[in-house]
Amino acid sequence: MDHEERAQDLHNRRKEALAGGQGKSRDRHVAAGKMLVRARIEALLDDGWDFEDGLLAGAEAGLPADGIVTCVGKVQGRDVAVIANDPTVKAGTWGRQALLKLNRMQDLALETGMPLVYLVDSAGARIDEQKTLFLGRNGWGNIWYNQVQASGVIPQVCVLFGPSPAGAAYVPGLCDLVIMVDKQASAFLGSPRMAKMTIFEDVTDEQMGGARLHCFVSGLGDVLAKDDADGVAKARDYLSYLPSNWEEKPPVATPCPPSAGPKPIGEIVPAGQNIPYDVHELINALIDEGSFYEVKANWAKEITVGLARLGGAVVGIVANNSNHKGGVLFSDTSDKAARFIWMCNAFNVPLLFLQDISGYMIGSSVEKGGIIRHGAKLLSAVCEATVPRICVLVRKAYGGGYLAMSGAPTHPDAMLALPTAMPALVGPEAAVNAIHFNRIMELPEEEREAFVAAKRDEYAADIDVYKAAADPFAAEDVVPPEALRDDLIARFRIYGRRPAKTIARRSAVHPV
């Protein structure tokens, strides 16, 4: 071929690869309300991608790009690596060349310190290629090995647009954030068809591992998106809070005041310890307007976690939400908070705890579920965090819950309190029952209620945040509610100058 023929041949090959799967496959995909893979990437990146690897892979087998697009582009002006399945090419499955491309992009992201975004829509590995790609050191398992190596080094985000079955389910399982598209995304180790054949369970994809199941029940999903475009937008937004890698600080935005809510902080928090309220109101009264990015909003709602900005600077918020189960800590609550704290600590995001906690849940049911093991995860995450950490005692601060929510013995940079704070080993109800049980039982039935009420009032009067702040200096300050935001901004600015303290060891042995 002469020069013009070679140029035309290359043009045709690239055009065919860029088109993706066959026309009917693309049409079926779009008819289902889904974006094509390159449209997803274009929506994620600022202005197209800088380069793509392996465009011509799979061409000889009639599989454009071998069913996977790997490229580098920019999100908010910062370099980001992208690995995206093309479900119009053999259902987005992984073959030999797809695996090579995927692993190479993982290596590039890790070696150059840039975030990695997985746009997942895949039927998993190609069973007809298992002989060469399942066993051995070059097998599919390298995907998850590389994810683990990159964990805590670079942010890893998964947007799940469709299926991710069997071993492929561990791609979202090992990412820092999982965004799932409602009524489209699914993840499960065994498909409904396999379950019906082996254990005689008859369920749908959605029942087995749909987006709502994982966002509301299992906790695998962090964010529920309404469609493909929303999922991509949520990924872009999330990345705006994080640095490119663990050695950098989170990006700082232009400061803005909180939203003009209907009530000031002093009126948002009820004085009565047993009156529930929505902690989102308190969060929104403290942070820069519209900056709260909530994680796992639909799972373990008794605790609220998410990223936000205070005076333009990024913080991670961990807050008890008394509107749900009184804000008590359960096993799932502990897992949710611990995972979020580990992520923040990995990427230099300071932590703000808003504590209003009566403790861990008790009873035989939660003990059978391993609440001690799960609760220990949260204590472990709090105690090993090296980023700036401030705890605000909002109301209740009782028992083990006080410690798990960054109480003073866990060595936060500061303990602050609102005037409504009630720090104590246990609340009045439990204390009176423990201290005076025998006396109560000795009293005539008609005298018990008055005796218990009097003793509760007596005990509650002794729970005094001002005494706690004075001796044993359990709080750096009792802050007027209207001054709390400015106090936090000033303290985080100063505490951010402290060098992180590390312990010489391979790793902690974490509770599971």
Protein backbone atom coordinates (compact mmCIF):
# COMPACT_ATOMS: atom_id res chain seq x y z
CA MET A 1 0.00 0.00 0.00
CA ASP A 2 1.14 3.52 -0.69
CA HIS A 3 0.98 6.33 1.85
CA GLU A 4 -2.60 7.35 1.08
CA GLU A 5 -3.84 3.78 1.22
CA ARG A 6 -2.11 3.18 4.55
CA ALA A 7 -3.59 6.38 5.93
CA GLN A 8 -7.07 5.37 4.75
CA ASP A 9 -6.64 1.88 6.19
CA LEU A 10 -5.65 3.31 9.56
CA HIS A 11 -8.57 5.73 9.45
CA ASN A 12 -11.01 2.90 8.74
CA ARG A 13 -9.62 0.70 11.50
CA ARG A 14 -9.80 3.51 14.06
CA LYS A 15 -13.32 4.47 12.95
CA GLU A 16 -14.51 0.89 13.33
CA ALA A 17 -12.93 0.58 16.77
CA LEU A 18 -14.38 3.90 17.94
CA ALA A 19 -17.87 2.84 16.86
CA GLY A 20 -17.91 -0.03 19.34
CA GLY A 21 -20.23 -3.01 18.89
CA GLN A 22 -22.56 -3.76 16.04
CA GLY A 23 -25.35 -1.35 15.22
CA LYS A 24 -28.14 -3.50 16.64
CA SER A 25 -26.22 -3.91 19.87
CA ARG A 26 -25.71 -0.17 20.18
CA ASP A 27 -29.36 0.51 19.34
CA ARG A 28 -30.53 -1.96 21.98
CA HIS A 29 -28.25 -0.34 24.55
CA VAL A 30 -29.52 3.19 23.82
CA ALA A 31 -33.14 1.99 23.74
CA ALA A 32 -32.67 0.79 27.32
CA GLY A 33 -32.00 4.40 28.32
CA LYS A 34 -28.23 3.94 28.66
CA MET A 35 -25.33 5.99 27.32
CA LEU A 36 -22.75 4.41 25.03
CA VAL A 37 -19.36 3.92 26.62
CA ARG A 38 -17.62 6.82 24.89
CA ALA A 39 -20.51 9.15 25.70
CA ARG A 40 -20.05 8.21 29.36
CA ILE A 41 -16.35 9.02 29.18
CA GLU A 42 -17.02 12.33 27.43
CA ALA A 43 -19.48 13.27 30.17
CA LEU A 44 -16.92 12.39 32.86
CA LEU A 45 -13.96 14.28 31.42
CA ASP A 46 -13.62 18.05 31.02
CA ASP A 47 -12.95 18.14 27.30
CA GLY A 48 -12.37 14.71 25.81
CA TRP A 49 -9.42 12.54 26.68
CA ASP A 50 -5.74 13.22 26.23
CA PHE A 51 -4.92 9.75 24.94
CA GLU A 52 -6.29 6.23 24.71
CA ASP A 53 -4.42 2.94 24.96
CA GLY A 54 -5.29 -0.20 23.02
CA LEU A 55 -7.88 1.24 20.64
CA LEU A 56 -7.03 -1.39 18.03
CA ALA A 57 -6.95 -4.32 20.47
CA GLY A 58 -9.34 -7.11 19.52
CA ALA A 59 -9.65 -5.86 15.94
CA GLU A 60 -8.47 -9.13 14.41
CA ALA A 61 -11.21 -10.98 16.29
CA GLY A 62 -13.88 -8.45 15.33
CA LEU A 63 -14.07 -7.12 18.92
CA PRO A 64 -13.54 -3.33 18.84
CA ALA A 65 -11.04 -2.28 21.53
CA ASP A 66 -11.63 -5.81 22.92
CA GLY A 67 -14.67 -4.47 24.75
CA ILE A 68 -12.90 -2.04 27.05
CA VAL A 69 -11.78 1.59 26.74
CA THR A 70 -8.74 2.75 28.75
CA CYS A 71 -7.76 6.39 28.57
CA VAL A 72 -6.49 9.45 30.44
CA GLY A 73 -8.22 12.82 30.60
CA LYS A 74 -8.97 15.61 33.05
CA VAL A 75 -11.67 16.15 35.67
CA GLN A 76 -11.75 19.71 37.04
CA GLY A 77 -8.39 20.24 35.38
CA ARG A 78 -6.65 17.29 37.05
CA ASP A 79 -5.44 14.12 35.36
CA VAL A 80 -7.65 11.05 35.83
CA ALA A 81 -7.31 7.51 34.48
CA VAL A 82 -10.43 5.79 33.15
CA ILE A 83 -11.26 2.11 32.60
CA ALA A 84 -14.64 1.63 30.93
CA ASN A 85 -16.43 -1.51 29.74
CA ASP A 86 -18.16 -1.38 26.38
CA PRO A 87 -21.27 -3.53 26.86
CA THR A 88 -21.99 -3.46 23.10
CA VAL A 89 -18.90 -5.63 22.50
CA LYS A 90 -19.42 -9.16 23.77
CA ALA A 91 -21.40 -7.80 26.75
CA GLY A 92 -18.37 -5.86 27.98
CA THR A 93 -16.62 -9.06 29.07
CA TRP A 94 -12.91 -9.32 29.85
CA GLY A 95 -10.70 -11.16 27.39
CA ARG A 96 -6.93 -11.46 27.20
CA GLN A 97 -6.27 -8.10 25.55
CA ALA A 98 -8.92 -6.38 27.67
CA LEU A 99 -7.14 -7.66 30.77
CA LEU A 100 -3.77 -6.40 29.51
CA LYS A 101 -5.26 -2.97 28.85
CA LEU A 102 -7.00 -2.85 32.20
CA ASN A 103 -3.91 -3.85 34.19
CA ARG A 104 -1.71 -1.45 32.26
CA MET A 105 -3.99 1.49 33.05
CA GLN A 106 -4.12 0.47 36.71
CA ASP A 107 -0.30 0.45 36.75
CA LEU A 108 -0.14 3.84 35.06
CA ALA A 109 -2.57 5.43 37.52
CA LEU A 110 -0.70 4.04 40.52
CA GLU A 111 2.77 4.90 39.23
CA THR A 112 1.84 8.48 38.29
CA GLY A 113 -0.43 9.22 41.24
CA MET A 114 -3.74 9.99 39.54
CA PRO A 115 -7.28 8.92 40.48
CA LEU A 116 -8.77 5.91 38.74
CA VAL A 117 -12.41 5.75 37.66
CA TYR A 118 -14.02 2.44 36.67
CA LEU A 119 -17.10 2.77 34.44
CA VAL A 120 -18.47 -0.74 34.85
CA ASP A 121 -21.06 -2.43 32.64
CA SER A 122 -19.85 -5.99 32.11
CA ALA A 123 -20.93 -9.62 32.14
CA GLY A 124 -17.57 -10.42 33.76
CA ALA A 125 -14.80 -12.67 32.48
CA ARG A 126 -15.01 -14.64 29.26
CA ILE A 127 -15.53 -18.23 30.30
CA ASP A 128 -14.32 -19.48 26.93
CA GLU A 129 -10.88 -17.98 27.71
CA GLN A 130 -10.58 -19.28 31.27
CA LYS A 131 -7.81 -21.74 30.43
CA THR A 132 -5.31 -18.96 29.85
CA LEU A 133 -6.79 -16.22 32.02
CA PHE A 134 -8.00 -17.78 35.25
CA LEU A 135 -4.99 -19.61 36.65
CA GLY A 136 -1.42 -18.34 36.73
CA ARG A 137 0.22 -15.06 37.61
CA ASN A 138 -1.19 -13.20 34.61
CA GLY A 139 -4.80 -14.10 35.31
CA TRP A 140 -7.86 -11.99 35.95
CA GLY A 141 -7.03 -11.83 39.65
CA ASN A 142 -4.43 -9.17 38.86
CA ILE A 143 -7.30 -6.68 38.62
CA TRP A 144 -8.09 -7.02 42.31
CA TYR A 145 -4.46 -7.36 43.32
CA ASN A 146 -3.80 -4.00 41.66
CA GLN A 147 -6.85 -2.44 43.29
CA VAL A 148 -5.56 -3.46 46.70
CA GLN A 149 -2.09 -2.08 45.94
CA ALA A 150 -3.65 1.22 44.91
CA SER A 151 -5.97 1.41 47.93
CA GLY A 152 -5.20 4.51 49.96
CA VAL A 153 -2.61 5.64 47.42
CA ILE A 154 -4.97 7.01 44.76
CA PRO A 155 -8.74 7.52 44.87
CA GLN A 156 -10.64 4.69 43.15
CA VAL A 157 -14.24 5.32 42.09
CA CYS A 158 -16.65 2.86 40.51
CA VAL A 159 -19.73 3.93 38.58
CA LEU A 160 -21.84 0.84 38.04
CA PHE A 161 -24.15 1.27 35.03
CA GLY A 162 -25.09 -2.37 34.49
CA PRO A 163 -24.07 -5.83 35.67
CA SER A 164 -20.89 -6.78 37.51
CA PRO A 165 -21.32 -10.48 38.33
CA ALA A 166 -19.19 -13.16 39.98
CA GLY A 167 -15.56 -12.13 40.48
CA ALA A 168 -16.23 -8.84 38.68
CA ALA A 169 -18.33 -7.84 41.70
CA TYR A 170 -15.09 -7.24 43.57
CA VAL A 171 -14.26 -4.26 41.35
CA PRO A 172 -16.90 -2.18 43.14
CA GLY A 173 -16.19 -4.09 46.34
CA LEU A 174 -12.60 -2.81 46.39
CA CYS A 175 -13.25 0.79 45.30
CA ASP A 176 -13.42 3.78 47.66
CA LEU A 177 -16.81 4.89 46.35
CA VAL A 178 -19.50 2.94 44.49
CA ILE A 179 -22.16 4.82 42.52
CA MET A 180 -24.97 2.58 41.28
CA VAL A 181 -27.51 3.51 38.60
CA ASP A 182 -31.04 2.78 39.75
CA LYS A 183 -32.86 -0.05 37.94
CA GLN A 184 -29.78 -0.76 35.77
CA ALA A 185 -26.81 -1.65 38.00
CA SER A 186 -26.38 -5.03 39.65
CA ALA A 187 -23.66 -6.94 41.45
CA PHE A 188 -23.72 -10.48 42.78
CA LEU A 189 -21.35 -13.40 43.19
CA GLY A 190 -23.83 -15.89 41.75
CA SER A 191 -26.44 -14.94 39.15
CA PRO A 192 -30.15 -15.60 39.66
CA ARG A 193 -29.93 -18.33 37.02
CA MET A 194 -27.10 -20.01 38.94
CA ALA A 195 -28.96 -19.65 42.22
CA LYS A 196 -32.04 -21.27 40.76
CA MET A 197 -30.02 -24.17 39.43
CA THR A 198 -27.90 -24.81 42.54
CA ILE A 199 -29.86 -23.71 45.61
CA PHE A 200 -33.35 -23.56 44.03
CA GLU A 201 -33.85 -19.89 44.81
CA ASP A 202 -35.95 -18.03 42.26
CA VAL A 203 -35.15 -14.29 42.27
CA THR A 204 -34.66 -11.46 39.79
CA ASP A 205 -31.42 -9.59 39.12
CA GLU A 206 -32.78 -6.66 41.11
CA GLN A 207 -33.69 -8.85 44.08
CA MET A 208 -30.35 -10.64 44.01
CA GLY A 209 -28.11 -7.61 43.72
CA GLY A 210 -29.79 -4.53 42.28
CA ALA A 211 -28.83 -0.95 43.01
CA ARG A 212 -31.49 -0.45 45.66
CA LEU A 213 -30.60 -3.67 47.45
CA HIS A 214 -26.97 -2.61 47.69
CA CYS A 215 -27.69 1.03 48.56
CA PHE A 216 -30.42 0.32 51.13
CA VAL A 217 -29.71 -3.19 52.47
CA SER A 218 -26.20 -4.58 51.92
CA GLY A 219 -24.23 -1.32 52.07
CA LEU A 220 -22.10 -2.05 48.98
CA GLY A 221 -23.53 0.96 47.16
CA ASP A 222 -22.52 4.41 48.41
CA VAL A 223 -24.57 6.63 46.10
CA LEU A 224 -27.77 5.89 44.14
CA ALA A 225 -27.92 7.62 40.74
CA LYS A 226 -31.12 8.10 38.78
CA ASP A 227 -29.50 7.44 35.36
CA ASP A 228 -26.13 7.21 33.57
CA ALA A 229 -25.64 10.98 33.29
CA ASP A 230 -26.41 11.45 36.99
CA GLY A 231 -23.96 8.71 37.92
CA VAL A 232 -21.15 10.34 35.95
CA ALA A 233 -21.95 13.77 37.42
CA LYS A 234 -21.80 12.34 40.93
CA ALA A 235 -18.38 10.83 40.20
CA ARG A 236 -17.08 14.21 38.99
CA ASP A 237 -18.44 15.90 42.09
CA TYR A 238 -16.88 13.34 44.44
CA LEU A 239 -13.44 13.74 42.89
CA SER A 240 -13.59 17.50 43.52
CA TYR A 241 -13.22 16.83 47.26
CA LEU A 242 -10.16 14.58 47.06
CA PRO A 243 -6.49 15.04 46.20
CA SER A 244 -5.02 13.17 43.25
CA ASN A 245 -3.10 10.91 45.62
CA TRP A 246 -2.21 10.37 49.27
CA GLU A 247 0.77 12.74 49.19
CA GLU A 248 -1.32 15.77 48.27
CA LYS A 249 -3.86 17.84 50.19
CA PRO A 250 -7.51 18.10 49.09
CA PRO A 251 -8.26 20.99 46.71
CA VAL A 252 -9.48 24.21 48.31
CA ALA A 253 -12.54 25.96 46.90
CA THR A 254 -13.71 29.55 47.18
CA PRO A 255 -15.30 29.94 50.63
CA CYS A 256 -18.99 30.68 50.91
CA PRO A 257 -21.36 31.06 53.88
CA PRO A 258 -23.81 28.38 54.97
CA SER A 259 -27.26 28.25 53.47
CA ALA A 260 -29.73 30.65 55.00
CA GLY A 261 -31.73 28.09 56.96
CA PRO A 262 -34.97 28.82 58.79
CA LYS A 263 -33.34 28.37 62.22
CA PRO A 264 -29.97 29.19 63.83
CA ILE A 265 -27.92 26.37 65.34
CA GLY A 266 -29.10 27.25 68.83
CA GLU A 267 -32.68 26.46 67.78
CA ILE A 268 -31.89 23.41 65.61
CA VAL A 269 -30.58 21.26 68.48
CA PRO A 270 -33.31 20.44 71.04
CA ALA A 271 -32.28 20.84 74.67
CA GLY A 272 -34.09 17.66 75.67
CA GLN A 273 -31.85 14.65 75.15
CA ASN A 274 -34.69 12.38 74.02
CA ILE A 275 -36.14 14.71 71.39
CA PRO A 276 -34.98 13.57 67.93
CA TYR A 277 -33.91 15.97 65.21
CA ASP A 278 -32.41 15.70 61.73
CA VAL A 279 -28.65 16.23 61.99
CA HIS A 280 -28.59 17.34 58.34
CA GLU A 281 -30.01 20.66 59.56
CA LEU A 282 -27.04 21.12 61.88
CA ILE A 283 -24.56 20.11 59.18
CA ASN A 284 -26.04 22.54 56.66
CA ALA A 285 -25.93 25.35 59.21
CA LEU A 286 -22.18 24.80 59.65
CA ILE A 287 -20.79 24.08 56.18
CA ASP A 288 -20.40 26.09 52.99
CA GLU A 289 -23.74 26.22 51.21
CA GLY A 290 -24.55 23.17 49.09
CA SER A 291 -21.23 21.46 49.76
CA PHE A 292 -22.36 18.30 51.54
CA TYR A 293 -21.61 15.11 49.58
CA GLU A 294 -23.27 12.38 51.59
CA VAL A 295 -22.02 8.79 51.42
CA LYS A 296 -24.27 5.78 52.09
CA ALA A 297 -27.22 8.10 52.74
CA ASN A 298 -29.70 5.22 52.48
CA TRP A 299 -27.92 2.67 54.67
CA ALA A 300 -27.39 2.69 58.45
CA LYS A 301 -29.13 6.06 58.65
CA GLU A 302 -28.51 6.37 62.39
CA ILE A 303 -25.15 7.84 61.44
CA THR A 304 -24.56 10.44 58.73
CA VAL A 305 -21.21 10.63 56.94
CA GLY A 306 -20.03 12.70 54.02
CA LEU A 307 -17.60 15.23 52.60
CA ALA A 308 -18.17 18.96 52.92
CA ARG A 309 -16.35 22.30 52.87
CA LEU A 310 -15.73 24.62 55.79
CA GLY A 311 -14.48 28.00 54.63
CA GLY A 312 -13.54 26.39 51.32
CA ALA A 313 -11.48 23.59 52.92
CA VAL A 314 -12.59 19.96 52.68
CA VAL A 315 -13.62 18.07 55.83
CA GLY A 316 -15.16 14.66 56.44
CA ILE A 317 -18.19 14.71 58.72
CA VAL A 318 -19.30 11.87 61.01
CA ALA A 319 -22.54 12.70 62.81
CA ASN A 320 -25.03 10.77 64.93
CA ASN A 321 -28.56 11.18 63.59
CA SER A 322 -31.12 10.87 66.39
CA ASN A 323 -33.90 10.91 63.80
CA HIS A 324 -33.09 7.26 63.06
CA LYS A 325 -33.05 4.69 65.87
CA GLY A 326 -32.02 7.44 68.26
CA GLY A 327 -28.56 7.61 66.67
CA VAL A 328 -27.51 4.44 68.51
CA LEU A 329 -24.54 2.53 67.08
CA PHE A 330 -25.28 -0.85 65.47
CA SER A 331 -22.93 -3.18 63.57
CA ASP A 332 -23.74 -1.59 60.20
CA THR A 333 -23.39 1.88 61.73
CA SER A 334 -19.89 1.05 62.89
CA ASP A 335 -18.89 -0.40 59.52
CA LYS A 336 -20.22 2.65 57.68
CA ALA A 337 -18.39 5.14 59.88
CA ALA A 338 -15.14 3.16 60.06
CA ARG A 339 -14.90 2.80 56.28
CA PHE A 340 -15.49 6.53 55.80
CA ILE A 341 -12.91 7.47 58.43
CA TRP A 342 -10.31 5.20 56.81
CA MET A 343 -10.95 6.85 53.44
CA CYS A 344 -10.62 10.36 54.87
CA ASN A 345 -7.45 9.47 56.72
CA ALA A 346 -5.94 7.94 53.57
CA PHE A 347 -6.41 11.13 51.56
CA ASN A 348 -5.60 13.84 54.12
CA VAL A 349 -9.20 14.86 54.75
CA PRO A 350 -9.65 16.33 58.28
CA LEU A 351 -12.46 14.81 60.36
CA LEU A 352 -15.30 16.54 62.19
CA PHE A 353 -17.39 14.47 64.61
CA LEU A 354 -20.80 15.77 65.70
CA GLN A 355 -21.54 13.63 68.72
CA ASP A 356 -25.03 12.94 70.08
CA ILE A 357 -24.80 9.34 71.18
CA SER A 358 -26.32 7.22 73.93
CA GLY A 359 -24.03 4.28 73.11
CA TYR A 360 -23.90 1.00 71.28
CA MET A 361 -27.04 -1.08 70.86
CA ILE A 362 -27.41 -3.90 73.37
CA GLY A 363 -29.27 -7.20 73.42
CA SER A 364 -28.80 -10.81 72.39
CA SER A 365 -29.68 -10.12 68.76
CA VAL A 366 -26.85 -7.63 68.20
CA GLU A 367 -24.42 -9.76 70.20
CA LYS A 368 -25.14 -12.69 67.89
CA GLY A 369 -24.49 -10.36 64.98
CA GLY A 370 -21.02 -9.54 66.29
CA ILE A 371 -21.52 -5.98 67.50
CA ILE A 372 -18.35 -6.12 69.59
CA ARG A 373 -16.28 -7.00 66.51
CA HIS A 374 -17.98 -4.37 64.37
CA GLY A 375 -17.85 -1.74 67.09
CA ALA A 376 -14.13 -2.37 67.48
CA LYS A 377 -13.68 -1.41 63.81
CA LEU A 378 -14.97 2.07 64.53
CA LEU A 379 -12.79 2.46 67.61
CA SER A 380 -9.81 1.26 65.58
CA ALA A 381 -10.48 3.68 62.74
CA VAL A 382 -10.85 6.64 65.10
CA CYS A 383 -7.77 5.86 67.18
CA GLU A 384 -5.45 5.33 64.22
CA ALA A 385 -6.54 8.43 62.29
CA THR A 386 -3.66 10.88 61.89
CA VAL A 387 -5.48 13.69 60.09
CA PRO A 388 -6.70 16.73 62.08
CA ARG A 389 -9.71 15.60 64.13
CA ILE A 390 -12.22 17.66 66.09
CA CYS A 391 -15.14 16.32 68.11
CA VAL A 392 -18.12 18.50 69.00
CA LEU A 393 -20.32 17.31 71.86
CA VAL A 394 -23.76 18.32 70.62
CA ARG A 395 -25.96 16.60 73.22
CA LYS A 396 -25.58 13.07 74.59
CA ALA A 397 -22.06 11.72 75.03
CA TYR A 398 -22.49 8.43 76.85
CA GLY A 399 -20.35 5.37 77.48
CA GLY A 400 -18.62 3.47 74.71
CA GLY A 401 -20.41 5.58 72.14
CA TYR A 402 -18.58 8.63 73.46
CA LEU A 403 -15.26 6.92 72.78
CA ALA A 404 -16.28 5.58 69.37
CA MET A 405 -17.30 9.07 68.28
CA SER A 406 -13.83 10.49 68.95
CA GLY A 407 -14.09 11.18 72.67
CA ALA A 408 -11.22 12.81 74.54
CA PRO A 409 -9.35 9.57 75.42
CA THR A 410 -8.98 8.86 71.67
CA HIS A 411 -6.77 11.96 71.42
CA PRO A 412 -8.57 14.27 68.99
CA ASP A 413 -6.94 17.62 68.29
CA ALA A 414 -9.81 19.30 70.11
CA MET A 415 -12.94 18.51 72.09
CA LEU A 416 -15.54 21.22 71.79
CA ALA A 417 -19.02 21.31 73.29
CA LEU A 418 -22.26 23.13 72.75
CA PRO A 419 -24.14 24.29 75.87
CA THR A 420 -26.60 21.42 75.26
CA ALA A 421 -23.88 18.76 75.74
CA MET A 422 -24.41 16.03 78.35
CA PRO A 423 -21.17 14.05 78.82
CA ALA A 424 -21.54 11.07 81.17
CA LEU A 425 -20.75 7.39 81.49
CA VAL A 426 -24.45 6.60 81.10
CA GLY A 427 -27.66 8.59 80.87
CA PRO A 428 -30.01 9.24 83.80
CA GLU A 429 -32.35 6.35 83.00
CA ALA A 430 -29.64 3.70 82.88
CA ALA A 431 -27.72 5.19 85.80
CA VAL A 432 -30.67 5.20 88.17
CA ASN A 433 -31.58 1.66 87.22
CA ALA A 434 -28.00 0.48 87.84
CA ILE A 435 -27.38 2.37 91.07
CA HIS A 436 -30.76 2.13 92.76
CA PHE A 437 -32.24 -1.10 91.40
CA ASN A 438 -32.39 -2.91 94.74
CA ARG A 439 -33.87 0.12 96.48
CA ILE A 440 -36.49 0.50 93.75
CA MET A 441 -37.51 -3.13 94.12
CA GLU A 442 -37.93 -2.70 97.89
CA LEU A 443 -40.30 0.24 97.52
CA PRO A 444 -44.07 -0.18 97.33
CA GLU A 445 -45.28 -0.09 93.73
CA GLU A 446 -47.06 3.26 94.17
CA GLU A 447 -43.84 4.99 95.37
CA ARG A 448 -41.45 3.77 92.69
CA GLU A 449 -42.31 6.21 89.92
CA ALA A 450 -41.76 9.30 92.05
CA PHE A 451 -38.54 7.90 93.52
CA VAL A 452 -37.12 7.10 90.07
CA ALA A 453 -38.09 10.52 88.67
CA ALA A 454 -36.42 12.31 91.58
CA LYS A 455 -33.22 10.28 91.27
CA ARG A 456 -33.11 10.87 87.50
CA ASP A 457 -33.44 14.60 88.01
CA GLU A 458 -30.73 14.49 90.65
CA TYR A 459 -28.37 12.55 88.35
CA ALA A 460 -29.12 14.76 85.33
CA ALA A 461 -28.36 17.90 87.35
CA ASP A 462 -24.88 16.54 87.95
CA ILE A 463 -24.23 16.12 84.21
CA ASP A 464 -22.74 19.55 83.65
CA VAL A 465 -20.72 20.34 80.53
CA TYR A 466 -19.18 23.39 82.21
CA LYS A 467 -17.84 21.27 85.07
CA ALA A 468 -16.50 18.76 82.55
CA ALA A 469 -14.71 21.51 80.64
CA ALA A 470 -13.19 22.93 83.83
CA ASP A 471 -12.13 19.72 85.54
CA PRO A 472 -10.90 17.27 84.22
CA PHE A 473 -10.49 19.59 81.21
CA ALA A 474 -12.60 17.23 79.08
CA ALA A 475 -13.24 19.92 76.47
CA GLU A 476 -11.11 22.74 75.08
CA ASP A 477 -14.13 25.04 75.04
CA VAL A 478 -17.88 25.30 75.39
CA VAL A 479 -18.72 27.23 72.26
CA PRO A 480 -21.77 29.45 71.65
CA PRO A 481 -23.71 27.81 68.81
CA GLU A 482 -23.46 30.87 66.57
CA ALA A 483 -19.64 30.88 66.93
CA LEU A 484 -19.08 27.18 66.20
CA ARG A 485 -18.47 27.44 62.43
CA ASP A 486 -15.80 30.15 62.75
CA ASP A 487 -14.16 28.30 65.64
CA LEU A 488 -13.94 25.09 63.58
CA ILE A 489 -12.49 26.87 60.54
CA ALA A 490 -9.79 28.52 62.66
CA ARG A 491 -8.90 25.31 64.50
CA PHE A 492 -8.68 23.13 61.36
CA ARG A 493 -6.41 25.75 59.78
CA ILE A 494 -3.99 25.51 62.72
CA TYR A 495 -4.22 21.77 63.34
CA GLY A 496 -3.49 21.13 59.67
CA ARG A 497 0.08 22.29 60.29
CA ARG A 498 0.82 19.43 62.66
CA PRO A 499 2.89 16.59 61.20
CA ALA A 500 1.08 13.25 61.13
CA LYS A 501 2.19 10.86 63.87
CA THR A 502 2.88 7.34 62.69
CA ILE A 503 3.75 4.13 64.49
CA ALA A 504 6.59 1.95 63.20
CA ARG A 505 4.85 -1.27 62.16
CA ARG A 506 3.75 -3.15 59.06
CA SER A 507 0.08 -2.65 59.80
CA ALA A 508 -2.46 -2.79 62.58
CA VAL A 509 -4.37 -6.05 62.99
CA HIS A 510 -7.85 -4.73 62.37
CA PRO A 511 -10.99 -6.23 63.88
CA VAL A 512 -13.30 -7.84 61.31
